[in-house]
Amino acid sequence: IIIDDLMYMAMDQNEANLFFHLVNHLYERSAVILTSNKGPEEWGELLGDQGITTAILDRLLHRSEVLHLDGDSHRIKHRKTLFQAKSVQN
């Protein structure tokens, strides 16, 4: 399962509960790849409940590999030519 851009926006209580149920269902049954622009220490605020955040992170981080990429956006980094191109009108 690939979940891209998690925590881009805050979740309400219902969404956080549904996300917990998804993670709990997938726990030790399926591989999960997750991308986020927020570190785990910021998730509690975005989920609005420290208890559910801890439960989610407990399951996600158990037996996982965490990669932290610093610097410019990976998506933009490989598209610099798009932003440097001259306008068709020039």
N, C-alpha and C. Protein backbone atom coordinates (compact mmCIF):
# COMPACT_ATOMS: atom_id res chain seq x y z
N ILE A 1 0.86 -1.17 0.00
CA ILE A 1 0.00 0.00 0.00
C ILE A 1 0.91 1.22 0.00
N ILE A 2 0.64 2.18 -0.87
CA ILE A 2 1.39 3.43 -0.91
C ILE A 2 0.44 4.57 -0.54
N ILE A 3 0.84 5.34 0.47
CA ILE A 3 0.07 6.50 0.92
C ILE A 3 0.97 7.71 0.72
N ASP A 4 0.62 8.57 -0.22
CA ASP A 4 1.45 9.72 -0.57
C ASP A 4 0.90 10.99 0.05
N ASP A 5 1.80 11.84 0.54
CA ASP A 5 1.47 13.16 1.10
C ASP A 5 0.58 13.09 2.33
N LEU A 6 0.80 12.11 3.17
CA LEU A 6 0.05 12.03 4.42
C LEU A 6 0.42 13.21 5.30
N MET A 7 -0.52 13.74 5.99
CA MET A 7 -0.37 14.87 6.91
C MET A 7 -0.17 16.19 6.18
N TYR A 8 -0.46 16.20 4.90
CA TYR A 8 -0.42 17.47 4.16
C TYR A 8 -1.45 18.43 4.75
N MET A 9 -2.57 17.87 5.16
CA MET A 9 -3.63 18.64 5.81
C MET A 9 -4.05 17.91 7.08
N ALA A 10 -4.54 18.66 8.04
CA ALA A 10 -5.00 18.07 9.30
C ALA A 10 -6.21 17.17 9.05
N MET A 11 -6.37 16.18 9.91
CA MET A 11 -7.52 15.28 9.84
C MET A 11 -8.48 15.61 10.97
N ASP A 12 -9.76 15.45 10.70
CA ASP A 12 -10.72 15.58 11.80
C ASP A 12 -10.76 14.26 12.56
N GLN A 13 -11.50 14.22 13.65
CA GLN A 13 -11.53 13.03 14.52
C GLN A 13 -11.98 11.79 13.76
N ASN A 14 -12.99 11.91 12.92
CA ASN A 14 -13.49 10.77 12.16
C ASN A 14 -12.43 10.26 11.19
N GLU A 15 -11.76 11.17 10.49
CA GLU A 15 -10.71 10.77 9.55
C GLU A 15 -9.55 10.10 10.28
N ALA A 16 -9.18 10.64 11.44
CA ALA A 16 -8.10 10.04 12.22
C ALA A 16 -8.47 8.63 12.67
N ASN A 17 -9.72 8.44 13.09
CA ASN A 17 -10.19 7.10 13.49
C ASN A 17 -10.16 6.14 12.32
N LEU A 18 -10.61 6.59 11.15
CA LEU A 18 -10.60 5.74 9.96
C LEU A 18 -9.17 5.39 9.56
N PHE A 19 -8.27 6.37 9.66
CA PHE A 19 -6.88 6.10 9.33
C PHE A 19 -6.27 5.08 10.29
N PHE A 20 -6.59 5.22 11.58
CA PHE A 20 -6.12 4.23 12.55
C PHE A 20 -6.62 2.83 12.17
N HIS A 21 -7.89 2.70 11.82
CA HIS A 21 -8.42 1.39 11.45
C HIS A 21 -7.72 0.82 10.22
N LEU A 22 -7.39 1.68 9.26
CA LEU A 22 -6.66 1.23 8.08
C LEU A 22 -5.28 0.72 8.47
N VAL A 23 -4.54 1.52 9.25
CA VAL A 23 -3.20 1.14 9.66
C VAL A 23 -3.25 -0.13 10.51
N ASN A 24 -4.19 -0.20 11.41
CA ASN A 24 -4.33 -1.38 12.26
C ASN A 24 -4.63 -2.63 11.43
N HIS A 25 -5.48 -2.49 10.41
CA HIS A 25 -5.80 -3.63 9.54
C HIS A 25 -4.58 -4.09 8.74
N LEU A 26 -3.77 -3.13 8.28
CA LEU A 26 -2.61 -3.45 7.46
C LEU A 26 -1.43 -3.95 8.30
N TYR A 27 -1.43 -3.64 9.58
CA TYR A 27 -0.30 -3.95 10.46
C TYR A 27 0.05 -5.43 10.40
N GLU A 28 1.29 -5.71 10.02
CA GLU A 28 1.86 -7.04 9.88
C GLU A 28 1.15 -7.91 8.85
N ARG A 29 0.36 -7.30 7.98
CA ARG A 29 -0.29 -8.03 6.88
C ARG A 29 0.21 -7.56 5.52
N SER A 30 0.66 -6.31 5.46
CA SER A 30 0.99 -5.73 4.17
C SER A 30 2.13 -4.74 4.32
N ALA A 31 2.89 -4.57 3.26
CA ALA A 31 3.93 -3.54 3.25
C ALA A 31 3.25 -2.18 3.03
N VAL A 32 3.77 -1.17 3.71
CA VAL A 32 3.22 0.18 3.59
C VAL A 32 4.37 1.13 3.28
N ILE A 33 4.19 1.91 2.22
CA ILE A 33 5.11 3.00 1.89
C ILE A 33 4.33 4.27 2.12
N LEU A 34 4.90 5.16 2.91
CA LEU A 34 4.19 6.36 3.29
C LEU A 34 5.10 7.56 3.08
N THR A 35 4.58 8.61 2.45
CA THR A 35 5.35 9.86 2.33
C THR A 35 4.60 10.95 3.07
N SER A 36 5.37 11.85 3.65
CA SER A 36 4.78 12.96 4.39
C SER A 36 5.75 14.12 4.42
N ASN A 37 5.21 15.33 4.42
CA ASN A 37 6.08 16.50 4.55
C ASN A 37 6.21 16.91 6.02
N LYS A 38 5.66 16.12 6.92
CA LYS A 38 5.71 16.38 8.36
C LYS A 38 6.39 15.22 9.06
N GLY A 39 7.17 15.54 10.07
CA GLY A 39 7.79 14.50 10.88
C GLY A 39 6.79 13.93 11.86
N PRO A 40 7.04 12.72 12.35
CA PRO A 40 6.12 12.09 13.30
C PRO A 40 5.82 12.94 14.53
N GLU A 41 6.78 13.78 14.94
CA GLU A 41 6.56 14.63 16.12
C GLU A 41 5.47 15.69 15.87
N GLU A 42 5.12 15.94 14.62
CA GLU A 42 4.09 16.92 14.29
C GLU A 42 2.71 16.29 14.07
N TRP A 43 2.65 14.97 14.01
CA TRP A 43 1.40 14.30 13.69
C TRP A 43 0.33 14.48 14.75
N GLY A 44 0.71 14.53 16.01
CA GLY A 44 -0.27 14.67 17.09
C GLY A 44 -1.15 15.89 16.90
N GLU A 45 -0.53 17.00 16.54
CA GLU A 45 -1.29 18.23 16.30
C GLU A 45 -2.21 18.09 15.09
N LEU A 46 -1.74 17.44 14.05
CA LEU A 46 -2.52 17.31 12.82
C LEU A 46 -3.65 16.29 12.95
N LEU A 47 -3.46 15.29 13.81
CA LEU A 47 -4.51 14.30 14.04
C LEU A 47 -5.46 14.73 15.15
N GLY A 48 -5.00 15.67 15.98
CA GLY A 48 -5.87 16.20 17.02
C GLY A 48 -6.05 15.30 18.23
N ASP A 49 -5.31 14.21 18.31
CA ASP A 49 -5.45 13.27 19.42
C ASP A 49 -4.13 12.54 19.60
N GLN A 50 -3.45 12.83 20.70
CA GLN A 50 -2.14 12.23 20.93
C GLN A 50 -2.21 10.72 21.11
N GLY A 51 -3.29 10.23 21.70
CA GLY A 51 -3.45 8.79 21.90
C GLY A 51 -3.53 8.03 20.60
N ILE A 52 -4.36 8.49 19.70
CA ILE A 52 -4.49 7.80 18.41
C ILE A 52 -3.23 7.97 17.57
N THR A 53 -2.57 9.12 17.71
CA THR A 53 -1.31 9.34 17.00
C THR A 53 -0.26 8.33 17.46
N THR A 54 -0.16 8.14 18.76
CA THR A 54 0.80 7.17 19.30
C THR A 54 0.50 5.77 18.81
N ALA A 55 -0.76 5.39 18.79
CA ALA A 55 -1.16 4.05 18.33
C ALA A 55 -0.83 3.86 16.84
N ILE A 56 -1.08 4.88 16.04
CA ILE A 56 -0.77 4.80 14.60
C ILE A 56 0.73 4.68 14.39
N LEU A 57 1.49 5.58 15.04
CA LEU A 57 2.94 5.56 14.86
C LEU A 57 3.56 4.27 15.39
N ASP A 58 3.02 3.74 16.47
CA ASP A 58 3.51 2.48 17.02
C ASP A 58 3.44 1.39 15.96
N ARG A 59 2.35 1.31 15.26
CA ARG A 59 2.17 0.28 14.24
C ARG A 59 2.99 0.58 12.99
N LEU A 60 3.04 1.84 12.58
CA LEU A 60 3.78 2.19 11.36
C LEU A 60 5.30 2.04 11.55
N LEU A 61 5.80 2.38 12.71
CA LEU A 61 7.25 2.40 12.91
C LEU A 61 7.83 1.06 13.36
N HIS A 62 6.97 0.15 13.77
CA HIS A 62 7.44 -1.17 14.17
C HIS A 62 8.00 -1.89 12.95
N ARG A 63 9.24 -2.31 13.03
CA ARG A 63 9.91 -3.01 11.92
C ARG A 63 9.88 -2.22 10.62
N SER A 64 10.16 -0.93 10.70
CA SER A 64 10.14 -0.12 9.48
C SER A 64 11.50 0.52 9.25
N GLU A 65 11.66 1.05 8.09
CA GLU A 65 12.85 1.81 7.71
C GLU A 65 12.36 3.22 7.40
N VAL A 66 12.91 4.21 8.10
CA VAL A 66 12.50 5.59 7.91
C VAL A 66 13.59 6.31 7.13
N LEU A 67 13.21 6.93 6.04
CA LEU A 67 14.13 7.71 5.22
C LEU A 67 13.74 9.17 5.32
N HIS A 68 14.70 10.01 5.68
CA HIS A 68 14.43 11.44 5.78
C HIS A 68 15.21 12.13 4.66
N LEU A 69 14.50 12.80 3.77
CA LEU A 69 15.13 13.48 2.64
C LEU A 69 15.15 14.98 2.92
N ASP A 70 16.32 15.55 2.99
CA ASP A 70 16.47 16.99 3.19
C ASP A 70 16.60 17.70 1.85
N GLY A 71 16.37 18.99 1.88
CA GLY A 71 16.62 19.79 0.69
C GLY A 71 15.37 20.09 -0.10
N ASP A 72 15.62 20.44 -1.34
CA ASP A 72 14.53 20.82 -2.25
C ASP A 72 13.58 19.67 -2.50
N SER A 73 12.38 20.02 -2.90
CA SER A 73 11.38 19.03 -3.25
C SER A 73 11.91 18.11 -4.35
N HIS A 74 11.78 16.82 -4.12
CA HIS A 74 12.23 15.84 -5.12
C HIS A 74 11.47 16.02 -6.43
N ARG A 75 10.21 16.34 -6.35
CA ARG A 75 9.41 16.51 -7.57
C ARG A 75 9.87 17.73 -8.36
N ILE A 76 10.12 18.84 -7.67
CA ILE A 76 10.54 20.08 -8.34
C ILE A 76 11.99 19.97 -8.82
N LYS A 77 12.82 19.32 -8.04
CA LYS A 77 14.25 19.21 -8.34
C LYS A 77 14.48 18.67 -9.75
N HIS A 78 13.70 17.73 -10.17
CA HIS A 78 13.88 17.12 -11.48
C HIS A 78 13.04 17.79 -12.56
N ARG A 79 12.43 18.89 -12.23
CA ARG A 79 11.63 19.63 -13.20
C ARG A 79 12.09 21.08 -13.34
N LYS A 80 13.33 21.37 -12.95
CA LYS A 80 13.84 22.74 -13.02
C LYS A 80 13.75 23.29 -14.43
N THR A 81 13.98 22.46 -15.42
CA THR A 81 13.94 22.95 -16.80
C THR A 81 12.55 23.47 -17.16
N LEU A 82 11.54 22.93 -16.55
CA LEU A 82 10.18 23.39 -16.82
C LEU A 82 10.02 24.84 -16.38
N PHE A 83 10.62 25.20 -15.25
CA PHE A 83 10.47 26.56 -14.73
C PHE A 83 11.48 27.52 -15.33
N GLN A 84 12.54 27.01 -15.94
CA GLN A 84 13.55 27.88 -16.54
C GLN A 84 13.31 28.10 -18.03
N ALA A 85 12.37 27.36 -18.59
CA ALA A 85 12.10 27.48 -20.03
C ALA A 85 11.52 28.84 -20.35
N LYS A 86 11.90 29.34 -21.51
CA LYS A 86 11.36 30.62 -21.96
C LYS A 86 9.93 30.43 -22.45
N SER A 87 9.17 31.45 -22.33
CA SER A 87 7.79 31.41 -22.76
C SER A 87 7.71 31.19 -24.27
N VAL A 88 6.68 30.52 -24.69
CA VAL A 88 6.44 30.29 -26.11
C VAL A 88 6.23 31.62 -26.82
N GLN A 89 5.75 32.62 -26.10
CA GLN A 89 5.46 33.92 -26.69
C GLN A 89 6.72 34.74 -26.94
N ASN A 90 7.88 34.37 -26.34
CA ASN A 90 9.12 35.15 -26.53
C ASN A 90 9.77 34.86 -27.84
